[in-house]
Amino acid sequence: MKYYYRITKSENLKLDQLQVVLPGNFSVQKDENGVSMIVEKAGRENEEKIFHEVQQECDRIYFLTGELFNPVLYRIEEPDKSGTGCAVIQQGKARIVASLPSNVAKQIWEKRFAKQLRFYYIADIAGPKDQKINSYFKVIEASYPETNKNKYYPEYTESQANAGIPPDPRTEAKLLRDFTTHGKEDVNRTQLKNYCKYLKIEEEFFDPTNNEHIRIAKSKCNFMRNEARKIIDEFITKKPSI
């Protein structure tokens, strides 16, 4: 069985580069209609399961290149006694923008990593900055779920805030998540109060009508993205160093 997914390839990403980092049962080919990502299976399988495999690979390529594949299943080929029978499902297209890093290999997958890539993708395409911050933090939280432990999220103290010292990056990511996610007006958490003091704002949670809150959320999105990327980059399977 062969499952065909339509993508749109830019000139920056070469087909041979893409082929090298995909699983052995994946292939890419170009024809007069564009570029297809093809998954080969021994027999008929659940289409949602196969799409999940394709999507997690596309999420990884997105992380590495900043490119949105948006794969769409458009064709299934099933061999029969007389040759190859084809069933056209649907057609669509997506896009690709940047070259793949030269040190990337075929991915060794684990469930948590696939989830983190999906959260990263959701964060990148989200509009509101508070939603971006929340989704980026989910990437971090998946690797460090014990958010109340100082071992993983060092405590942010009042003396640090008074001295203008920023929190540990992972702690700051958590405090930004808390600031933008919780709905109560008054802040009653000590570390978050200290962080508000550091930010020089009133002790209250994120208000989407408050221009200062919007400015802070906007200014911190790249920080959150970079922290999430650090986590994900550790799990990207790399070629052995020579």
C-alpha atoms as a PDB file:
ATOM      1  CA  MET A   1       0.000   0.000   0.000  1.00  0.00           C
ATOM      2  CA  LYS A   2       1.216   3.477  -0.835  1.00  0.00           C
ATOM      3  CA  TYR A   3      -0.244   6.636   0.704  1.00  0.00           C
ATOM      4  CA  TYR A   4       0.438   9.895  -1.136  1.00  0.00           C
ATOM      5  CA  TYR A   5       0.468  13.290   0.577  1.00  0.00           C
ATOM      6  CA  ARG A   6       0.726  16.479  -1.455  1.00  0.00           C
ATOM      7  CA  ILE A   7       3.218  19.106  -0.315  1.00  0.00           C
ATOM      8  CA  THR A   8       4.656  22.174  -2.022  1.00  0.00           C
ATOM      9  CA  LYS A   9       8.437  22.368  -2.117  1.00  0.00           C
ATOM     10  CA  SER A  10      10.503  25.539  -2.248  1.00  0.00           C
ATOM     11  CA  GLU A  11      13.867  25.657  -3.997  1.00  0.00           C
ATOM     12  CA  ASN A  12      15.650  25.912  -0.637  1.00  0.00           C
ATOM     13  CA  LEU A  13      14.892  22.318   0.291  1.00  0.00           C
ATOM     14  CA  LYS A  14      16.318  19.664  -2.013  1.00  0.00           C
ATOM     15  CA  LEU A  15      14.497  16.363  -2.407  1.00  0.00           C
ATOM     16  CA  ASP A  16      17.633  14.366  -1.643  1.00  0.00           C
ATOM     17  CA  GLN A  17      18.110  16.329   1.603  1.00  0.00           C
ATOM     18  CA  LEU A  18      14.552  15.573   2.637  1.00  0.00           C
ATOM     19  CA  GLN A  19      14.809  11.883   1.732  1.00  0.00           C
ATOM     20  CA  VAL A  20      17.878  11.365   3.928  1.00  0.00           C
ATOM     21  CA  VAL A  21      16.107  12.450   7.142  1.00  0.00           C
ATOM     22  CA  LEU A  22      12.807  10.630   6.554  1.00  0.00           C
ATOM     23  CA  PRO A  23      12.051   7.056   7.713  1.00  0.00           C
ATOM     24  CA  GLY A  24      12.966   4.202   5.370  1.00  0.00           C
ATOM     25  CA  ASN A  25       9.352   3.620   4.281  1.00  0.00           C
ATOM     26  CA  PHE A  26       8.925   7.312   3.345  1.00  0.00           C
ATOM     27  CA  SER A  27       9.886   8.726  -0.032  1.00  0.00           C
ATOM     28  CA  VAL A  28       9.442  11.987  -1.912  1.00  0.00           C
ATOM     29  CA  GLN A  29       8.915  12.420  -5.625  1.00  0.00           C
ATOM     30  CA  LYS A  30       8.212  15.228  -8.041  1.00  0.00           C
ATOM     31  CA  ASP A  31       5.840  15.101 -10.991  1.00  0.00           C
ATOM     32  CA  GLU A  32       4.000  17.596 -13.177  1.00  0.00           C
ATOM     33  CA  ASN A  33       1.540  18.313 -10.353  1.00  0.00           C
ATOM     34  CA  GLY A  34       4.129  19.075  -7.685  1.00  0.00           C
ATOM     35  CA  VAL A  35       5.848  17.159  -4.870  1.00  0.00           C
ATOM     36  CA  SER A  36       4.457  14.188  -2.970  1.00  0.00           C
ATOM     37  CA  MET A  37       5.481  12.566   0.303  1.00  0.00           C
ATOM     38  CA  ILE A  38       4.767   8.835  -0.001  1.00  0.00           C
ATOM     39  CA  VAL A  39       4.395   6.331   2.827  1.00  0.00           C
ATOM     40  CA  GLU A  40       4.654   2.645   1.982  1.00  0.00           C
ATOM     41  CA  LYS A  41       2.986  -0.014   4.169  1.00  0.00           C
ATOM     42  CA  ALA A  42       2.827  -3.798   3.900  1.00  0.00           C
ATOM     43  CA  GLY A  43      -0.964  -3.718   4.022  1.00  0.00           C
ATOM     44  CA  ARG A  44      -3.955  -1.448   4.575  1.00  0.00           C
ATOM     45  CA  GLU A  45      -3.709   0.532   7.830  1.00  0.00           C
ATOM     46  CA  ASN A  46      -5.798   3.100   9.635  1.00  0.00           C
ATOM     47  CA  GLU A  47      -5.446   6.368   7.727  1.00  0.00           C
ATOM     48  CA  GLU A  48      -5.448   8.448  10.928  1.00  0.00           C
ATOM     49  CA  LYS A  49      -2.513   6.414  12.279  1.00  0.00           C
ATOM     50  CA  ILE A  50      -0.528   6.920   9.081  1.00  0.00           C
ATOM     51  CA  PHE A  51      -1.356  10.622   9.009  1.00  0.00           C
ATOM     52  CA  HIS A  52      -0.038  10.893  12.592  1.00  0.00           C
ATOM     53  CA  GLU A  53       3.279   9.426  11.412  1.00  0.00           C
ATOM     54  CA  VAL A  54       3.396  11.878   8.510  1.00  0.00           C
ATOM     55  CA  GLN A  55       2.388  14.826  10.684  1.00  0.00           C
ATOM     56  CA  GLN A  56       5.053  14.205  13.305  1.00  0.00           C
ATOM     57  CA  GLU A  57       7.716  14.101  10.583  1.00  0.00           C
ATOM     58  CA  CYS A  58       6.295  17.326   9.145  1.00  0.00           C
ATOM     59  CA  ASP A  59       6.299  18.912  12.610  1.00  0.00           C
ATOM     60  CA  ARG A  60       9.984  18.022  12.924  1.00  0.00           C
ATOM     61  CA  ILE A  61      10.770  19.518   9.502  1.00  0.00           C
ATOM     62  CA  TYR A  62       8.835  22.617  10.539  1.00  0.00           C
ATOM     63  CA  PHE A  63      10.946  22.933  13.687  1.00  0.00           C
ATOM     64  CA  LEU A  64      14.166  22.517  11.712  1.00  0.00           C
ATOM     65  CA  THR A  65      13.279  24.795   8.778  1.00  0.00           C
ATOM     66  CA  GLY A  66      10.402  27.050   9.863  1.00  0.00           C
ATOM     67  CA  GLU A  67       8.311  25.590   7.034  1.00  0.00           C
ATOM     68  CA  LEU A  68       4.657  24.575   7.091  1.00  0.00           C
ATOM     69  CA  PHE A  69       4.055  21.354   5.154  1.00  0.00           C
ATOM     70  CA  ASN A  70       0.333  20.882   5.874  1.00  0.00           C
ATOM     71  CA  PRO A  71       0.337  17.457   4.156  1.00  0.00           C
ATOM     72  CA  VAL A  72      -2.923  16.383   2.522  1.00  0.00           C
ATOM     73  CA  LEU A  73      -3.728  12.786   1.614  1.00  0.00           C
ATOM     74  CA  TYR A  74      -4.801  12.686  -2.028  1.00  0.00           C
ATOM     75  CA  ARG A  75      -4.124   9.164  -3.279  1.00  0.00           C
ATOM     76  CA  ILE A  76      -3.894   5.547  -2.121  1.00  0.00           C
ATOM     77  CA  GLU A  77      -2.382   2.856  -4.305  1.00  0.00           C
ATOM     78  CA  GLU A  78      -3.333  -0.732  -3.569  1.00  0.00           C
ATOM     79  CA  PRO A  79      -1.806  -3.583  -5.606  1.00  0.00           C
ATOM     80  CA  ASP A  80      -4.229  -6.062  -7.108  1.00  0.00           C
ATOM     81  CA  LYS A  81      -3.872  -9.243  -9.124  1.00  0.00           C
ATOM     82  CA  SER A  82      -3.668  -7.376 -12.431  1.00  0.00           C
ATOM     83  CA  GLY A  83      -1.160  -4.758 -11.298  1.00  0.00           C
ATOM     84  CA  THR A  84      -1.715  -1.600  -9.281  1.00  0.00           C
ATOM     85  CA  GLY A  85      -5.118  -0.176  -8.542  1.00  0.00           C
ATOM     86  CA  CYS A  86      -5.405   3.468  -7.502  1.00  0.00           C
ATOM     87  CA  ALA A  87      -8.041   5.327  -5.512  1.00  0.00           C
ATOM     88  CA  VAL A  88      -7.941   9.123  -5.546  1.00  0.00           C
ATOM     89  CA  ILE A  89      -9.006  10.457  -2.134  1.00  0.00           C
ATOM     90  CA  GLN A  90      -8.487  14.235  -2.256  1.00  0.00           C
ATOM     91  CA  GLN A  91      -5.968  16.837  -3.284  1.00  0.00           C
ATOM     92  CA  GLY A  92      -4.466  19.873  -1.640  1.00  0.00           C
ATOM     93  CA  LYS A  93      -1.126  21.534  -1.070  1.00  0.00           C
ATOM     94  CA  ALA A  94       1.236  22.966   1.513  1.00  0.00           C
ATOM     95  CA  ARG A  95       4.580  24.758   1.472  1.00  0.00           C
ATOM     96  CA  ILE A  96       8.284  24.511   2.452  1.00  0.00           C
ATOM     97  CA  VAL A  97      10.804  27.358   2.997  1.00  0.00           C
ATOM     98  CA  ALA A  98      14.257  26.593   4.380  1.00  0.00           C
ATOM     99  CA  SER A  99      17.116  24.152   3.983  1.00  0.00           C
ATOM    100  CA  LEU A 100      17.514  21.271   6.408  1.00  0.00           C
ATOM    101  CA  PRO A 101      20.547  21.318   8.718  1.00  0.00           C
ATOM    102  CA  SER A 102      23.258  19.043   7.379  1.00  0.00           C
ATOM    103  CA  ASN A 103      23.635  17.122  10.679  1.00  0.00           C
ATOM    104  CA  VAL A 104      20.032  15.875  10.902  1.00  0.00           C
ATOM    105  CA  ALA A 105      19.380  12.131  10.644  1.00  0.00           C
ATOM    106  CA  LYS A 106      16.284   9.921  10.578  1.00  0.00           C
ATOM    107  CA  GLN A 107      14.328  10.581  13.759  1.00  0.00           C
ATOM    108  CA  ILE A 108      14.144   8.151  16.671  1.00  0.00           C
ATOM    109  CA  TRP A 109      10.631   8.905  17.914  1.00  0.00           C
ATOM    110  CA  GLU A 110       9.111   8.886  21.354  1.00  0.00           C
ATOM    111  CA  LYS A 111       5.586   9.918  22.327  1.00  0.00           C
ATOM    112  CA  ARG A 112       6.591  12.942  24.400  1.00  0.00           C
ATOM    113  CA  PHE A 113       8.692  14.401  21.591  1.00  0.00           C
ATOM    114  CA  ALA A 114       5.890  14.142  19.045  1.00  0.00           C
ATOM    115  CA  LYS A 115       3.636  15.999  21.500  1.00  0.00           C
ATOM    116  CA  GLN A 116       6.254  18.707  22.061  1.00  0.00           C
ATOM    117  CA  LEU A 117       6.657  19.306  18.332  1.00  0.00           C
ATOM    118  CA  ARG A 118       2.886  19.664  18.005  1.00  0.00           C
ATOM    119  CA  PHE A 119       2.736  22.228  20.842  1.00  0.00           C
ATOM    120  CA  TYR A 120       5.615  24.134  19.215  1.00  0.00           C
ATOM    121  CA  TYR A 121       3.758  24.216  15.913  1.00  0.00           C
ATOM    122  CA  ILE A 122       0.515  25.341  17.610  1.00  0.00           C
ATOM    123  CA  ALA A 123       2.413  28.113  19.403  1.00  0.00           C
ATOM    124  CA  ASP A 124       4.027  29.362  16.204  1.00  0.00           C
ATOM    125  CA  ILE A 125       0.755  29.628  14.292  1.00  0.00           C
ATOM    126  CA  ALA A 126      -1.274  31.012  17.214  1.00  0.00           C
ATOM    127  CA  GLY A 127      -2.328  34.654  16.938  1.00  0.00           C
ATOM    128  CA  PRO A 128      -2.758  35.965  20.516  1.00  0.00           C
ATOM    129  CA  LYS A 129       0.559  36.278  22.345  1.00  0.00           C
ATOM    130  CA  ASP A 130      -0.784  34.797  25.577  1.00  0.00           C
ATOM    131  CA  GLN A 131      -1.756  31.636  23.676  1.00  0.00           C
ATOM    132  CA  LYS A 132       1.716  31.451  22.156  1.00  0.00           C
ATOM    133  CA  ILE A 133       3.324  31.695  25.592  1.00  0.00           C
ATOM    134  CA  ASN A 134       1.058  28.994  27.007  1.00  0.00           C
ATOM    135  CA  SER A 135       1.775  26.549  24.162  1.00  0.00           C
ATOM    136  CA  TYR A 136       5.533  27.185  24.196  1.00  0.00           C
ATOM    137  CA  PHE A 137       5.549  26.458  27.920  1.00  0.00           C
ATOM    138  CA  LYS A 138       3.787  23.141  27.315  1.00  0.00           C
ATOM    139  CA  VAL A 139       6.881  22.109  25.359  1.00  0.00           C
ATOM    140  CA  ILE A 140       9.023  22.871  28.418  1.00  0.00           C
ATOM    141  CA  GLU A 141       6.565  21.368  30.888  1.00  0.00           C
ATOM    142  CA  ALA A 142       6.498  18.055  29.011  1.00  0.00           C
ATOM    143  CA  SER A 143      10.206  17.641  29.802  1.00  0.00           C
ATOM    144  CA  TYR A 144      10.024  19.197  33.275  1.00  0.00           C
ATOM    145  CA  PRO A 145       6.518  18.446  34.589  1.00  0.00           C
ATOM    146  CA  GLU A 146       7.265  19.030  38.291  1.00  0.00           C
ATOM    147  CA  THR A 147       6.778  22.783  38.123  1.00  0.00           C
ATOM    148  CA  ASN A 148       6.716  23.212  41.917  1.00  0.00           C
ATOM    149  CA  LYS A 149      10.193  21.806  42.444  1.00  0.00           C
ATOM    150  CA  ASN A 150      13.024  24.314  42.816  1.00  0.00           C
ATOM    151  CA  LYS A 151      15.386  21.703  41.391  1.00  0.00           C
ATOM    152  CA  TYR A 152      13.825  22.218  37.968  1.00  0.00           C
ATOM    153  CA  TYR A 153      12.424  25.737  38.398  1.00  0.00           C
ATOM    154  CA  PRO A 154      14.702  27.685  40.759  1.00  0.00           C
ATOM    155  CA  GLU A 155      12.809  29.944  43.174  1.00  0.00           C
ATOM    156  CA  TYR A 156      12.561  33.617  42.248  1.00  0.00           C
ATOM    157  CA  THR A 157      13.041  35.743  45.334  1.00  0.00           C
ATOM    158  CA  GLU A 158      12.044  39.277  46.300  1.00  0.00           C
ATOM    159  CA  SER A 159      15.706  40.258  46.714  1.00  0.00           C
ATOM    160  CA  GLN A 160      16.397  39.240  43.113  1.00  0.00           C
ATOM    161  CA  ALA A 161      13.405  41.233  41.879  1.00  0.00           C
ATOM    162  CA  ASN A 162      14.462  44.297  43.899  1.00  0.00           C
ATOM    163  CA  ALA A 163      17.964  44.060  42.406  1.00  0.00           C
ATOM    164  CA  GLY A 164      16.560  43.833  38.883  1.00  0.00           C
ATOM    165  CA  ILE A 165      17.885  40.292  38.430  1.00  0.00           C
ATOM    166  CA  PRO A 166      15.732  38.193  36.047  1.00  0.00           C
ATOM    167  CA  PRO A 167      14.571  34.719  37.056  1.00  0.00           C
ATOM    168  CA  ASP A 168      16.234  31.548  35.856  1.00  0.00           C
ATOM    169  CA  PRO A 169      15.059  31.128  32.225  1.00  0.00           C
ATOM    170  CA  ARG A 170      12.956  28.047  32.947  1.00  0.00           C
ATOM    171  CA  THR A 171      11.431  29.740  35.996  1.00  0.00           C
ATOM    172  CA  GLU A 172      10.698  32.849  33.959  1.00  0.00           C
ATOM    173  CA  ALA A 173       8.969  30.708  31.336  1.00  0.00           C
ATOM    174  CA  LYS A 174       6.754  29.214  34.052  1.00  0.00           C
ATOM    175  CA  LEU A 175       5.988  32.640  35.557  1.00  0.00           C
ATOM    176  CA  LEU A 176       5.088  34.013  32.137  1.00  0.00           C
ATOM    177  CA  ARG A 177       2.752  31.065  31.641  1.00  0.00           C
ATOM    178  CA  ASP A 178       1.177  31.738  35.043  1.00  0.00           C
ATOM    179  CA  PHE A 179       0.876  35.446  34.320  1.00  0.00           C
ATOM    180  CA  THR A 180      -0.805  35.002  30.940  1.00  0.00           C
ATOM    181  CA  THR A 181      -2.952  31.941  31.701  1.00  0.00           C
ATOM    182  CA  HIS A 182      -4.674  32.445  35.041  1.00  0.00           C
ATOM    183  CA  GLY A 183      -7.875  34.443  35.088  1.00  0.00           C
ATOM    184  CA  LYS A 184      -8.033  35.890  38.621  1.00  0.00           C
ATOM    185  CA  GLU A 185      -7.338  39.592  38.847  1.00  0.00           C
ATOM    186  CA  ASP A 186      -5.231  39.567  42.014  1.00  0.00           C
ATOM    187  CA  VAL A 187      -1.888  37.789  42.094  1.00  0.00           C
ATOM    188  CA  ASN A 188      -1.461  35.804  45.315  1.00  0.00           C
ATOM    189  CA  ARG A 189       1.615  33.755  44.457  1.00  0.00           C
ATOM    190  CA  THR A 190       4.835  35.019  45.981  1.00  0.00           C
ATOM    191  CA  GLN A 191       7.134  34.289  43.044  1.00  0.00           C
ATOM    192  CA  LEU A 192       4.673  35.766  40.563  1.00  0.00           C
ATOM    193  CA  LYS A 193       4.368  38.871  42.758  1.00  0.00           C
ATOM    194  CA  ASN A 194       8.149  39.152  42.643  1.00  0.00           C
ATOM    195  CA  TYR A 195       8.089  38.763  38.879  1.00  0.00           C
ATOM    196  CA  CYS A 196       5.471  41.514  38.542  1.00  0.00           C
ATOM    197  CA  LYS A 197       7.778  43.714  40.593  1.00  0.00           C
ATOM    198  CA  TYR A 198      10.660  42.860  38.243  1.00  0.00           C
ATOM    199  CA  LEU A 199       8.473  43.724  35.248  1.00  0.00           C
ATOM    200  CA  LYS A 200       7.416  46.964  36.973  1.00  0.00           C
ATOM    201  CA  ILE A 201       3.701  46.247  36.637  1.00  0.00           C
ATOM    202  CA  GLU A 202       0.800  45.993  39.076  1.00  0.00           C
ATOM    203  CA  GLU A 203       0.259  42.642  40.789  1.00  0.00           C
ATOM    204  CA  GLU A 204      -2.437  41.280  38.508  1.00  0.00           C
ATOM    205  CA  PHE A 205      -2.838  38.623  35.858  1.00  0.00           C
ATOM    206  CA  PHE A 206      -2.737  39.232  32.122  1.00  0.00           C
ATOM    207  CA  ASP A 207      -5.408  41.568  30.815  1.00  0.00           C
ATOM    208  CA  PRO A 208      -5.794  41.491  27.002  1.00  0.00           C
ATOM    209  CA  THR A 209      -7.139  45.073  27.131  1.00  0.00           C
ATOM    210  CA  ASN A 210      -4.077  46.362  29.009  1.00  0.00           C
ATOM    211  CA  ASN A 211      -1.523  47.798  26.573  1.00  0.00           C
ATOM    212  CA  GLU A 212       1.370  47.264  28.980  1.00  0.00           C
ATOM    213  CA  HIS A 213       0.426  43.601  29.420  1.00  0.00           C
ATOM    214  CA  ILE A 214       0.175  43.187  25.654  1.00  0.00           C
ATOM    215  CA  ARG A 215       3.600  44.800  25.228  1.00  0.00           C
ATOM    216  CA  ILE A 216       5.157  42.428  27.773  1.00  0.00           C
ATOM    217  CA  ALA A 217       3.576  39.333  26.240  1.00  0.00           C
ATOM    218  CA  LYS A 218       4.702  40.396  22.768  1.00  0.00           C
ATOM    219  CA  SER A 219       8.246  41.134  23.946  1.00  0.00           C
ATOM    220  CA  LYS A 220       8.546  37.729  25.661  1.00  0.00           C
ATOM    221  CA  CYS A 221       7.319  35.530  22.803  1.00  0.00           C
ATOM    222  CA  ASN A 222      10.761  35.119  21.233  1.00  0.00           C
ATOM    223  CA  PHE A 223      12.212  34.274  24.649  1.00  0.00           C
ATOM    224  CA  MET A 224       9.579  31.569  25.133  1.00  0.00           C
ATOM    225  CA  ARG A 225      10.123  30.264  21.612  1.00  0.00           C
ATOM    226  CA  ASN A 226      13.869  30.013  22.149  1.00  0.00           C
ATOM    227  CA  GLU A 227      13.423  28.151  25.438  1.00  0.00           C
ATOM    228  CA  ALA A 228      11.068  25.696  23.742  1.00  0.00           C
ATOM    229  CA  ARG A 229      13.515  25.243  20.856  1.00  0.00           C
ATOM    230  CA  LYS A 230      16.326  24.375  23.295  1.00  0.00           C
ATOM    231  CA  ILE A 231      14.205  21.549  24.673  1.00  0.00           C
ATOM    232  CA  ILE A 232      13.200  20.216  21.263  1.00  0.00           C
ATOM    233  CA  ASP A 233      16.680  20.480  19.785  1.00  0.00           C
ATOM    234  CA  GLU A 234      17.942  18.018  22.410  1.00  0.00           C
ATOM    235  CA  PHE A 235      15.614  15.356  20.983  1.00  0.00           C
ATOM    236  CA  ILE A 236      16.290  15.916  17.286  1.00  0.00           C
ATOM    237  CA  THR A 237      18.234  12.873  16.100  1.00  0.00           C
ATOM    238  CA  LYS A 238      21.608  13.999  14.762  1.00  0.00           C
ATOM    239  CA  LYS A 239      24.200  12.263  12.632  1.00  0.00           C
ATOM    240  CA  PRO A 240      27.226  10.977  14.599  1.00  0.00           C
ATOM    241  CA  SER A 241      30.044  13.495  14.830  1.00  0.00           C
ATOM    242  CA  ILE A 242      33.038  12.551  12.712  1.00  0.00           C
END
